[in-house]
Structure formats: structure tokens, C-alpha cells
mmCIF file of all heavy atoms, coordinates in Angstrom:
data_MODEL
# 
_entry.id   MODEL 
# 
loop_
_atom_site.group_PDB 
_atom_site.id 
_atom_site.type_symbol 
_atom_site.label_atom_id 
_atom_site.label_alt_id 
_atom_site.label_comp_id 
_atom_site.label_asym_id 
_atom_site.label_entity_id 
_atom_site.label_seq_id 
_atom_site.pdbx_PDB_ins_code 
_atom_site.Cartn_x 
_atom_site.Cartn_y 
_atom_site.Cartn_z 
_atom_site.occupancy 
_atom_site.B_iso_or_equiv 
_atom_site.pdbx_formal_charge 
_atom_site.auth_seq_id 
_atom_site.auth_comp_id 
_atom_site.auth_asym_id 
_atom_site.auth_atom_id 
_atom_site.pdbx_PDB_model_num 
ATOM 1   N N   . LEU A 1 1  ? 18.966 20.438 20.773 1.00 0.00 ? 1  LEU A N   1 
ATOM 2   C CA  . LEU A 1 1  ? 19.727 19.799 19.704 1.00 0.00 ? 1  LEU A CA  1 
ATOM 3   C C   . LEU A 1 1  ? 18.881 19.564 18.463 1.00 0.00 ? 1  LEU A C   1 
ATOM 4   O O   . LEU A 1 1  ? 17.726 19.156 18.558 1.00 0.00 ? 1  LEU A O   1 
ATOM 5   C CB  . LEU A 1 1  ? 20.280 18.455 20.194 1.00 0.00 ? 1  LEU A CB  1 
ATOM 6   C CG  . LEU A 1 1  ? 21.110 17.634 19.217 1.00 0.00 ? 1  LEU A CG  1 
ATOM 7   C CD1 . LEU A 1 1  ? 22.381 18.370 18.791 1.00 0.00 ? 1  LEU A CD1 1 
ATOM 8   C CD2 . LEU A 1 1  ? 21.460 16.286 19.837 1.00 0.00 ? 1  LEU A CD2 1 
ATOM 9   N N   . ILE A 1 2  ? 19.491 19.802 17.305 1.00 0.00 ? 2  ILE A N   1 
ATOM 10  C CA  . ILE A 1 2  ? 18.896 19.464 16.020 1.00 0.00 ? 2  ILE A CA  1 
ATOM 11  C C   . ILE A 1 2  ? 19.695 18.298 15.449 1.00 0.00 ? 2  ILE A C   1 
ATOM 12  O O   . ILE A 1 2  ? 20.910 18.394 15.276 1.00 0.00 ? 2  ILE A O   1 
ATOM 13  C CB  . ILE A 1 2  ? 18.940 20.651 15.041 1.00 0.00 ? 2  ILE A CB  1 
ATOM 14  C CG1 . ILE A 1 2  ? 18.140 21.821 15.595 1.00 0.00 ? 2  ILE A CG1 1 
ATOM 15  C CG2 . ILE A 1 2  ? 18.446 20.234 13.656 1.00 0.00 ? 2  ILE A CG2 1 
ATOM 16  C CD1 . ILE A 1 2  ? 18.346 23.124 14.843 1.00 0.00 ? 2  ILE A CD1 1 
ATOM 17  N N   . LEU A 1 3  ? 19.011 17.187 15.163 1.00 0.00 ? 3  LEU A N   1 
ATOM 18  C CA  . LEU A 1 3  ? 19.626 16.037 14.491 1.00 0.00 ? 3  LEU A CA  1 
ATOM 19  C C   . LEU A 1 3  ? 19.155 16.073 13.046 1.00 0.00 ? 3  LEU A C   1 
ATOM 20  O O   . LEU A 1 3  ? 17.959 16.017 12.772 1.00 0.00 ? 3  LEU A O   1 
ATOM 21  C CB  . LEU A 1 3  ? 19.200 14.723 15.138 1.00 0.00 ? 3  LEU A CB  1 
ATOM 22  C CG  . LEU A 1 3  ? 19.684 14.457 16.551 1.00 0.00 ? 3  LEU A CG  1 
ATOM 23  C CD1 . LEU A 1 3  ? 19.075 13.156 17.080 1.00 0.00 ? 3  LEU A CD1 1 
ATOM 24  C CD2 . LEU A 1 3  ? 21.199 14.377 16.586 1.00 0.00 ? 3  LEU A CD2 1 
ATOM 25  N N   . ASP A 1 4  ? 20.082 16.164 12.123 1.00 0.00 ? 4  ASP A N   1 
ATOM 26  C CA  . ASP A 1 4  ? 19.757 16.287 10.708 1.00 0.00 ? 4  ASP A CA  1 
ATOM 27  C C   . ASP A 1 4  ? 20.032 14.968 10.008 1.00 0.00 ? 4  ASP A C   1 
ATOM 28  O O   . ASP A 1 4  ? 21.184 14.558 9.862  1.00 0.00 ? 4  ASP A O   1 
ATOM 29  C CB  . ASP A 1 4  ? 20.596 17.415 10.094 1.00 0.00 ? 4  ASP A CB  1 
ATOM 30  C CG  . ASP A 1 4  ? 20.196 17.764 8.682  1.00 0.00 ? 4  ASP A CG  1 
ATOM 31  O OD1 . ASP A 1 4  ? 19.417 17.007 8.058  1.00 0.00 ? 4  ASP A OD1 1 
ATOM 32  O OD2 . ASP A 1 4  ? 20.681 18.807 8.187  1.00 0.00 ? 4  ASP A OD2 1 
ATOM 33  N N   . VAL A 1 5  ? 18.962 14.287 9.588  1.00 0.00 ? 5  VAL A N   1 
ATOM 34  C CA  . VAL A 1 5  ? 19.113 13.041 8.840  1.00 0.00 ? 5  VAL A CA  1 
ATOM 35  C C   . VAL A 1 5  ? 18.498 13.189 7.445  1.00 0.00 ? 5  VAL A C   1 
ATOM 36  O O   . VAL A 1 5  ? 18.080 12.199 6.835  1.00 0.00 ? 5  VAL A O   1 
ATOM 37  C CB  . VAL A 1 5  ? 18.520 11.825 9.593  1.00 0.00 ? 5  VAL A CB  1 
ATOM 38  C CG1 . VAL A 1 5  ? 19.339 11.525 10.831 1.00 0.00 ? 5  VAL A CG1 1 
ATOM 39  C CG2 . VAL A 1 5  ? 17.058 12.030 9.943  1.00 0.00 ? 5  VAL A CG2 1 
ATOM 40  N N   . ARG A 1 6  ? 18.491 14.411 6.934  1.00 0.00 ? 6  ARG A N   1 
ATOM 41  C CA  . ARG A 1 6  ? 18.017 14.607 5.566  1.00 0.00 ? 6  ARG A CA  1 
ATOM 42  C C   . ARG A 1 6  ? 18.997 13.917 4.619  1.00 0.00 ? 6  ARG A C   1 
ATOM 43  O O   . ARG A 1 6  ? 20.208 13.975 4.810  1.00 0.00 ? 6  ARG A O   1 
ATOM 44  C CB  . ARG A 1 6  ? 17.913 16.095 5.234  1.00 0.00 ? 6  ARG A CB  1 
ATOM 45  C CG  . ARG A 1 6  ? 16.794 16.791 6.012  1.00 0.00 ? 6  ARG A CG  1 
ATOM 46  C CD  . ARG A 1 6  ? 16.779 18.260 5.759  1.00 0.00 ? 6  ARG A CD  1 
ATOM 47  N NE  . ARG A 1 6  ? 18.000 18.864 6.315  1.00 0.00 ? 6  ARG A NE  1 
ATOM 48  C CZ  . ARG A 1 6  ? 18.274 20.164 6.238  1.00 0.00 ? 6  ARG A CZ  1 
ATOM 49  N NH1 . ARG A 1 6  ? 17.438 20.991 5.643  1.00 0.00 ? 6  ARG A NH1 1 
ATOM 50  N NH2 . ARG A 1 6  ? 19.394 20.633 6.761  1.00 0.00 ? 6  ARG A NH2 1 
ATOM 51  N N   . ALA A 1 7  ? 18.443 13.248 3.618  1.00 0.00 ? 7  ALA A N   1 
ATOM 52  C CA  . ALA A 1 7  ? 19.227 12.510 2.621  1.00 0.00 ? 7  ALA A CA  1 
ATOM 53  C C   . ALA A 1 7  ? 20.066 11.397 3.252  1.00 0.00 ? 7  ALA A C   1 
ATOM 54  O O   . ALA A 1 7  ? 21.057 10.968 2.686  1.00 0.00 ? 7  ALA A O   1 
ATOM 55  C CB  . ALA A 1 7  ? 20.099 13.449 1.797  1.00 0.00 ? 7  ALA A CB  1 
ATOM 56  N N   . ASN A 1 8  ? 19.686 10.932 4.414  1.00 0.00 ? 8  ASN A N   1 
ATOM 57  C CA  . ASN A 1 8  ? 20.379 9.845  5.099  1.00 0.00 ? 8  ASN A CA  1 
ATOM 58  C C   . ASN A 1 8  ? 19.660 8.547  4.736  1.00 0.00 ? 8  ASN A C   1 
ATOM 59  O O   . ASN A 1 8  ? 18.522 8.349  5.138  1.00 0.00 ? 8  ASN A O   1 
ATOM 60  C CB  . ASN A 1 8  ? 20.355 10.097 6.613  1.00 0.00 ? 8  ASN A CB  1 
ATOM 61  C CG  . ASN A 1 8  ? 21.092 9.049  7.408  1.00 0.00 ? 8  ASN A CG  1 
ATOM 62  O OD1 . ASN A 1 8  ? 21.031 7.869  7.106  1.00 0.00 ? 8  ASN A OD1 1 
ATOM 63  N ND2 . ASN A 1 8  ? 21.750 9.479  8.462  1.00 0.00 ? 8  ASN A ND2 1 
ATOM 64  N N   . PRO A 1 9  ? 20.306 7.652  3.977  1.00 0.00 ? 9  PRO A N   1 
ATOM 65  C CA  . PRO A 1 9  ? 19.626 6.447  3.513  1.00 0.00 ? 9  PRO A CA  1 
ATOM 66  C C   . PRO A 1 9  ? 19.496 5.346  4.558  1.00 0.00 ? 9  PRO A C   1 
ATOM 67  O O   . PRO A 1 9  ? 18.897 4.316  4.299  1.00 0.00 ? 9  PRO A O   1 
ATOM 68  C CB  . PRO A 1 9  ? 20.512 5.981  2.354  1.00 0.00 ? 9  PRO A CB  1 
ATOM 69  C CG  . PRO A 1 9  ? 21.878 6.434  2.746  1.00 0.00 ? 9  PRO A CG  1 
ATOM 70  C CD  . PRO A 1 9  ? 21.673 7.754  3.453  1.00 0.00 ? 9  PRO A CD  1 
ATOM 71  N N   . GLY A 1 10 ? 20.052 5.556  5.741  1.00 0.00 ? 10 GLY A N   1 
ATOM 72  C CA  . GLY A 1 10 ? 19.929 4.552  6.793  1.00 0.00 ? 10 GLY A CA  1 
ATOM 73  C C   . GLY A 1 10 ? 21.188 3.736  6.964  1.00 0.00 ? 10 GLY A C   1 
ATOM 74  O O   . GLY A 1 10 ? 22.284 4.193  6.694  1.00 0.00 ? 10 GLY A O   1 
ATOM 75  N N   . GLY A 1 11 ? 21.002 2.501  7.427  1.00 0.00 ? 11 GLY A N   1 
ATOM 76  C CA  . GLY A 1 11 ? 22.148 1.643  7.678  1.00 0.00 ? 11 GLY A CA  1 
ATOM 77  C C   . GLY A 1 11 ? 21.826 0.610  8.737  1.00 0.00 ? 11 GLY A C   1 
ATOM 78  O O   . GLY A 1 11 ? 20.737 0.053  8.770  1.00 0.00 ? 11 GLY A O   1 
ATOM 79  N N   . ARG A 1 12 ? 22.756 0.412  9.633  1.00 0.00 ? 12 ARG A N   1 
ATOM 80  C CA  . ARG A 1 12 ? 22.674 -0.671 10.613 1.00 0.00 ? 12 ARG A CA  1 
ATOM 81  C C   . ARG A 1 12 ? 21.686 -0.371 11.742 1.00 0.00 ? 12 ARG A C   1 
ATOM 82  O O   . ARG A 1 12 ? 21.715 0.693  12.349 1.00 0.00 ? 12 ARG A O   1 
ATOM 83  C CB  . ARG A 1 12 ? 24.059 -0.935 11.187 1.00 0.00 ? 12 ARG A CB  1 
ATOM 84  C CG  . ARG A 1 12 ? 24.998 -1.494 10.134 1.00 0.00 ? 12 ARG A CG  1 
ATOM 85  C CD  . ARG A 1 12 ? 26.398 -1.675 10.598 1.00 0.00 ? 12 ARG A CD  1 
ATOM 86  N NE  . ARG A 1 12 ? 26.532 -2.133 11.969 1.00 0.00 ? 12 ARG A NE  1 
ATOM 87  C CZ  . ARG A 1 12 ? 27.676 -2.202 12.624 1.00 0.00 ? 12 ARG A CZ  1 
ATOM 88  N NH1 . ARG A 1 12 ? 28.794 -1.867 12.001 1.00 0.00 ? 12 ARG A NH1 1 
ATOM 89  N NH2 . ARG A 1 12 ? 27.723 -2.612 13.855 1.00 0.00 ? 12 ARG A NH2 1 
ATOM 90  N N   . VAL A 1 13 ? 20.842 -1.348 12.014 1.00 0.00 ? 13 VAL A N   1 
ATOM 91  C CA  . VAL A 1 13 ? 19.837 -1.212 13.066 1.00 0.00 ? 13 VAL A CA  1 
ATOM 92  C C   . VAL A 1 13 ? 20.492 -1.114 14.438 1.00 0.00 ? 13 VAL A C   1 
ATOM 93  O O   . VAL A 1 13 ? 20.041 -0.345 15.291 1.00 0.00 ? 13 VAL A O   1 
ATOM 94  C CB  . VAL A 1 13 ? 18.823 -2.377 13.006 1.00 0.00 ? 13 VAL A CB  1 
ATOM 95  C CG1 . VAL A 1 13 ? 17.867 -2.335 14.181 1.00 0.00 ? 13 VAL A CG1 1 
ATOM 96  C CG2 . VAL A 1 13 ? 18.047 -2.331 11.695 1.00 0.00 ? 13 VAL A CG2 1 
ATOM 97  N N   . ASP A 1 14 ? 21.574 -1.851 14.674 1.00 0.00 ? 14 ASP A N   1 
ATOM 98  C CA  . ASP A 1 14 ? 22.219 -1.789 15.990 1.00 0.00 ? 14 ASP A CA  1 
ATOM 99  C C   . ASP A 1 14 ? 22.739 -0.381 16.277 1.00 0.00 ? 14 ASP A C   1 
ATOM 100 O O   . ASP A 1 14 ? 22.673 0.100  17.415 1.00 0.00 ? 14 ASP A O   1 
ATOM 101 C CB  . ASP A 1 14 ? 23.331 -2.826 16.118 1.00 0.00 ? 14 ASP A CB  1 
ATOM 102 C CG  . ASP A 1 14 ? 24.466 -2.649 15.106 1.00 0.00 ? 14 ASP A CG  1 
ATOM 103 O OD1 . ASP A 1 14 ? 24.200 -2.294 13.938 1.00 0.00 ? 14 ASP A OD1 1 
ATOM 104 O OD2 . ASP A 1 14 ? 25.630 -2.894 15.480 1.00 0.00 ? 14 ASP A OD2 1 
ATOM 105 N N   . ILE A 1 15 ? 23.223 0.314  15.246 1.00 0.00 ? 15 ILE A N   1 
ATOM 106 C CA  . ILE A 1 15 ? 23.746 1.669  15.458 1.00 0.00 ? 15 ILE A CA  1 
ATOM 107 C C   . ILE A 1 15 ? 22.611 2.647  15.717 1.00 0.00 ? 15 ILE A C   1 
ATOM 108 O O   . ILE A 1 15 ? 22.689 3.465  16.630 1.00 0.00 ? 15 ILE A O   1 
ATOM 109 C CB  . ILE A 1 15 ? 24.620 2.108  14.264 1.00 0.00 ? 15 ILE A CB  1 
ATOM 110 C CG1 . ILE A 1 15 ? 25.892 1.244  14.225 1.00 0.00 ? 15 ILE A CG1 1 
ATOM 111 C CG2 . ILE A 1 15 ? 24.975 3.583  14.356 1.00 0.00 ? 15 ILE A CG2 1 
ATOM 112 C CD1 . ILE A 1 15 ? 26.783 1.477  13.026 1.00 0.00 ? 15 ILE A CD1 1 
ATOM 113 N N   . VAL A 1 16 ? 21.526 2.564  14.937 1.00 0.00 ? 16 VAL A N   1 
ATOM 114 C CA  . VAL A 1 16 ? 20.405 3.473  15.184 1.00 0.00 ? 16 VAL A CA  1 
ATOM 115 C C   . VAL A 1 16 ? 19.776 3.199  16.550 1.00 0.00 ? 16 VAL A C   1 
ATOM 116 O O   . VAL A 1 16 ? 19.371 4.119  17.250 1.00 0.00 ? 16 VAL A O   1 
ATOM 117 C CB  . VAL A 1 16 ? 19.348 3.440  14.055 1.00 0.00 ? 16 VAL A CB  1 
ATOM 118 C CG1 . VAL A 1 16 ? 18.529 2.175  14.052 1.00 0.00 ? 16 VAL A CG1 1 
ATOM 119 C CG2 . VAL A 1 16 ? 18.422 4.647  14.172 1.00 0.00 ? 16 VAL A CG2 1 
ATOM 120 N N   . ASN A 1 17 ? 19.722 1.931  16.966 1.00 0.00 ? 17 ASN A N   1 
ATOM 121 C CA  . ASN A 1 17 ? 19.195 1.615  18.298 1.00 0.00 ? 17 ASN A CA  1 
ATOM 122 C C   . ASN A 1 17 ? 20.054 2.244  19.389 1.00 0.00 ? 17 ASN A C   1 
ATOM 123 O O   . ASN A 1 17 ? 19.540 2.800  20.360 1.00 0.00 ? 17 ASN A O   1 
ATOM 124 C CB  . ASN A 1 17 ? 19.117 0.109  18.510 1.00 0.00 ? 17 ASN A CB  1 
ATOM 125 C CG  . ASN A 1 17 ? 17.970 -0.530 17.767 1.00 0.00 ? 17 ASN A CG  1 
ATOM 126 O OD1 . ASN A 1 17 ? 17.044 0.142  17.313 1.00 0.00 ? 17 ASN A OD1 1 
ATOM 127 N ND2 . ASN A 1 17 ? 18.024 -1.842 17.616 1.00 0.00 ? 17 ASN A ND2 1 
ATOM 128 N N   . SER A 1 18 ? 21.363 2.162  19.236 1.00 0.00 ? 18 SER A N   1 
ATOM 129 C CA  . SER A 1 18 ? 22.278 2.739  20.217 1.00 0.00 ? 18 SER A CA  1 
ATOM 130 C C   . SER A 1 18 ? 22.090 4.247  20.324 1.00 0.00 ? 18 SER A C   1 
ATOM 131 O O   . SER A 1 18 ? 21.998 4.808  21.417 1.00 0.00 ? 18 SER A O   1 
ATOM 132 C CB  . SER A 1 18 ? 23.723 2.405  19.844 1.00 0.00 ? 18 SER A CB  1 
ATOM 133 O OG  . SER A 1 18 ? 24.634 3.057  20.689 1.00 0.00 ? 18 SER A OG  1 
ATOM 134 N N   . ILE A 1 19 ? 22.030 4.916  19.169 1.00 0.00 ? 19 ILE A N   1 
ATOM 135 C CA  . ILE A 1 19 ? 21.875 6.372  19.161 1.00 0.00 ? 19 ILE A CA  1 
ATOM 136 C C   . ILE A 1 19 ? 20.524 6.768  19.744 1.00 0.00 ? 19 ILE A C   1 
ATOM 137 O O   . ILE A 1 19 ? 20.430 7.615  20.635 1.00 0.00 ? 19 ILE A O   1 
ATOM 138 C CB  . ILE A 1 19 ? 22.032 6.926  17.730 1.00 0.00 ? 19 ILE A CB  1 
ATOM 139 C CG1 . ILE A 1 19 ? 23.477 6.728  17.243 1.00 0.00 ? 19 ILE A CG1 1 
ATOM 140 C CG2 . ILE A 1 19 ? 21.629 8.403  17.664 1.00 0.00 ? 19 ILE A CG2 1 
ATOM 141 C CD1 . ILE A 1 19 ? 23.673 6.943  15.754 1.00 0.00 ? 19 ILE A CD1 1 
ATOM 142 N N   . THR A 1 20 ? 19.474 6.147  19.254 1.00 0.00 ? 20 THR A N   1 
ATOM 143 C CA  . THR A 1 20 ? 18.118 6.497  19.693 1.00 0.00 ? 20 THR A CA  1 
ATOM 144 C C   . THR A 1 20 ? 17.931 6.267  21.187 1.00 0.00 ? 20 THR A C   1 
ATOM 145 O O   . THR A 1 20 ? 17.318 7.089  21.879 1.00 0.00 ? 20 THR A O   1 
ATOM 146 C CB  . THR A 1 20 ? 17.076 5.682  18.892 1.00 0.00 ? 20 THR A CB  1 
ATOM 147 O OG1 . THR A 1 20 ? 17.290 5.898  17.499 1.00 0.00 ? 20 THR A OG1 1 
ATOM 148 C CG2 . THR A 1 20 ? 15.668 6.095  19.252 1.00 0.00 ? 20 THR A CG2 1 
ATOM 149 N N   . SER A 1 21 ? 18.464 5.172  21.707 1.00 0.00 ? 21 SER A N   1 
ATOM 150 C CA  . SER A 1 21 ? 18.263 4.845  23.123 1.00 0.00 ? 21 SER A CA  1 
ATOM 151 C C   . SER A 1 21 ? 18.813 5.921  24.057 1.00 0.00 ? 21 SER A C   1 
ATOM 152 O O   . SER A 1 21 ? 18.313 6.102  25.156 1.00 0.00 ? 21 SER A O   1 
ATOM 153 C CB  . SER A 1 21 ? 18.886 3.490  23.455 1.00 0.00 ? 21 SER A CB  1 
ATOM 154 O OG  . SER A 1 21 ? 20.296 3.558  23.391 1.00 0.00 ? 21 SER A OG  1 
ATOM 155 N N   . GLU A 1 22 ? 19.813 6.660  23.606 1.00 0.00 ? 22 GLU A N   1 
ATOM 156 C CA  . GLU A 1 22 ? 20.392 7.698  24.465 1.00 0.00 ? 22 GLU A CA  1 
ATOM 157 C C   . GLU A 1 22 ? 19.527 8.953  24.545 1.00 0.00 ? 22 GLU A C   1 
ATOM 158 O O   . GLU A 1 22 ? 19.800 9.856  25.330 1.00 0.00 ? 22 GLU A O   1 
ATOM 159 C CB  . GLU A 1 22 ? 21.802 8.052  24.001 1.00 0.00 ? 22 GLU A CB  1 
ATOM 160 C CG  . GLU A 1 22 ? 22.794 6.918  24.150 1.00 0.00 ? 22 GLU A CG  1 
ATOM 161 C CD  . GLU A 1 22 ? 22.910 6.364  25.577 1.00 0.00 ? 22 GLU A CD  1 
ATOM 162 O OE1 . GLU A 1 22 ? 22.624 7.093  26.554 1.00 0.00 ? 22 GLU A OE1 1 
ATOM 163 O OE2 . GLU A 1 22 ? 23.284 5.187  25.710 1.00 0.00 ? 22 GLU A OE2 1 
ATOM 164 N N   . PHE A 1 23 ? 18.452 9.018  23.749 1.00 0.00 ? 23 PHE A N   1 
ATOM 165 C CA  . PHE A 1 23 ? 17.522 10.147 23.804 1.00 0.00 ? 23 PHE A CA  1 
ATOM 166 C C   . PHE A 1 23 ? 16.192 9.771  24.442 1.00 0.00 ? 23 PHE A C   1 
ATOM 167 O O   . PHE A 1 23 ? 15.289 10.592 24.525 1.00 0.00 ? 23 PHE A O   1 
ATOM 168 C CB  . PHE A 1 23 ? 17.274 10.700 22.391 1.00 0.00 ? 23 PHE A CB  1 
ATOM 169 C CG  . PHE A 1 23 ? 18.478 11.373 21.807 1.00 0.00 ? 23 PHE A CG  1 
ATOM 170 C CD1 . PHE A 1 23 ? 19.340 10.689 20.977 1.00 0.00 ? 23 PHE A CD1 1 
ATOM 171 C CD2 . PHE A 1 23 ? 18.767 12.693 22.123 1.00 0.00 ? 23 PHE A CD2 1 
ATOM 172 C CE1 . PHE A 1 23 ? 20.469 11.297 20.447 1.00 0.00 ? 23 PHE A CE1 1 
ATOM 173 C CE2 . PHE A 1 23 ? 19.892 13.311 21.603 1.00 0.00 ? 23 PHE A CE2 1 
ATOM 174 C CZ  . PHE A 1 23 ? 20.738 12.616 20.764 1.00 0.00 ? 23 PHE A CZ  1 
ATOM 175 N N   . LEU A 1 24 ? 16.073 8.504  24.878 1.00 0.00 ? 24 LEU A N   1 
ATOM 176 C CA  . LEU A 1 24 ? 14.824 8.017  25.447 1.00 0.00 ? 24 LEU A CA  1 
ATOM 177 C C   . LEU A 1 24 ? 14.999 7.618  26.904 1.00 0.00 ? 24 LEU A C   1 
ATOM 178 O O   . LEU A 1 24 ? 16.110 7.502  27.396 1.00 0.00 ? 24 LEU A O   1 
ATOM 179 C CB  . LEU A 1 24 ? 14.317 6.820  24.631 1.00 0.00 ? 24 LEU A CB  1 
ATOM 180 C CG  . LEU A 1 24 ? 14.018 7.085  23.160 1.00 0.00 ? 24 LEU A CG  1 
ATOM 181 C CD1 . LEU A 1 24 ? 13.591 5.798  22.455 1.00 0.00 ? 24 LEU A CD1 1 
ATOM 182 C CD2 . LEU A 1 24 ? 12.951 8.157  23.002 1.00 0.00 ? 24 LEU A CD2 1 
ATOM 183 N N   . LYS A 1 25 ? 13.877 7.395  27.556 1.00 0.00 ? 25 LYS A N   1 
ATOM 184 C CA  . LYS A 1 25 ? 13.882 6.944  28.946 1.00 0.00 ? 25 LYS A CA  1 
ATOM 185 C C   . LYS A 1 25 ? 13.766 5.427  28.999 1.00 0.00 ? 25 LYS A C   1 
ATOM 186 O O   . LYS A 1 25 ? 13.437 4.772  28.017 1.00 0.00 ? 25 LYS A O   1 
ATOM 187 C CB  . LYS A 1 25 ? 12.739 7.615  29.699 1.00 0.00 ? 25 LYS A CB  1 
ATOM 188 C CG  . LYS A 1 25 ? 12.857 9.133  29.716 1.00 0.00 ? 25 LYS A CG  1 
ATOM 189 C CD  . LYS A 1 25 ? 12.128 9.715  30.891 1.00 0.00 ? 25 LYS A CD  1 
ATOM 190 C CE  . LYS A 1 25 ? 12.197 11.215 30.907 1.00 0.00 ? 25 LYS A CE  1 
ATOM 191 N NZ  . LYS A 1 25 ? 13.472 11.782 31.214 1.00 0.00 ? 25 LYS A NZ  1 
ATOM 192 N N   . ASP A 1 26 ? 14.022 4.877  30.162 1.00 0.00 ? 26 ASP A N   1 
ATOM 193 C CA  . ASP A 1 26 ? 14.009 3.435  30.385 1.00 0.00 ? 26 ASP A CA  1 
ATOM 194 C C   . ASP A 1 26 ? 12.684 2.816  29.960 1.00 0.00 ? 26 ASP A C   1 
ATOM 195 O O   . ASP A 1 26 ? 11.615 3.330  30.275 1.00 0.00 ? 26 ASP A O   1 
ATOM 196 C CB  . ASP A 1 26 ? 14.267 3.160  31.873 1.00 0.00 ? 26 ASP A CB  1 
ATOM 197 C CG  . ASP A 1 26 ? 14.386 1.682  32.182 1.00 0.00 ? 26 ASP A CG  1 
ATOM 198 O OD1 . ASP A 1 26 ? 14.881 0.930  31.326 1.00 0.00 ? 26 ASP A OD1 1 
ATOM 199 O OD2 . ASP A 1 26 ? 13.983 1.279  33.288 1.00 0.00 ? 26 ASP A OD2 1 
ATOM 200 N N   . GLY A 1 27 ? 12.773 1.703  29.241 1.00 0.00 ? 27 GLY A N   1 
ATOM 201 C CA  . GLY A 1 27 ? 11.598 0.927  28.880 1.00 0.00 ? 27 GLY A CA  1 
ATOM 202 C C   . GLY A 1 27 ? 10.848 1.411  27.643 1.00 0.00 ? 27 GLY A C   1 
ATOM 203 O O   . GLY A 1 27 ? 9.800  0.853  27.304 1.00 0.00 ? 27 GLY A O   1 
ATOM 204 N N   . GLN A 1 28 ? 11.343 2.407  26.959 1.00 0.00 ? 28 GLN A N   1 
ATOM 205 C CA  . GLN A 1 28 ? 10.645 2.900  25.774 1.00 0.00 ? 28 GLN A CA  1 
ATOM 206 C C   . GLN A 1 28 ? 11.066 2.108  24.536 1.00 0.00 ? 28 GLN A C   1 
ATOM 207 O O   . GLN A 1 28 ? 12.247 1.810  24.337 1.00 0.00 ? 28 GLN A O   1 
ATOM 208 C CB  . GLN A 1 28 ? 10.903 4.394  25.572 1.00 0.00 ? 28 GLN A CB  1 
ATOM 209 C CG  . GLN A 1 28 ? 10.258 5.233  26.677 1.00 0.00 ? 28 GLN A CG  1 
ATOM 210 C CD  . GLN A 1 28 ? 10.485 6.714  26.494 1.00 0.00 ? 28 GLN A CD  1 
ATOM 211 O OE1 . GLN A 1 28 ? 11.596 7.160  26.257 1.00 0.00 ? 28 GLN A OE1 1 
ATOM 212 N NE2 . GLN A 1 28 ? 9.410  7.489  26.648 1.00 0.00 ? 28 GLN A NE2 1 
# 
């Protein structure tokens, strides 16, 4: 998978945490 966040100014931390956690292992 390619995730493209070019020109993405960001936003809510809870949403990025939710997305990121699904690509990581437990405890990271």
C-alpha cells in the first residue's frame, strides 16, 4: 500500500492515531 499525504495539512490527533494504530503492532 501507498499512503499519500502530500499537501495534507493534518487535522485531528484522534483520527491520525486511529489510522496509524491499524498499521502497527501491539504496544508501539
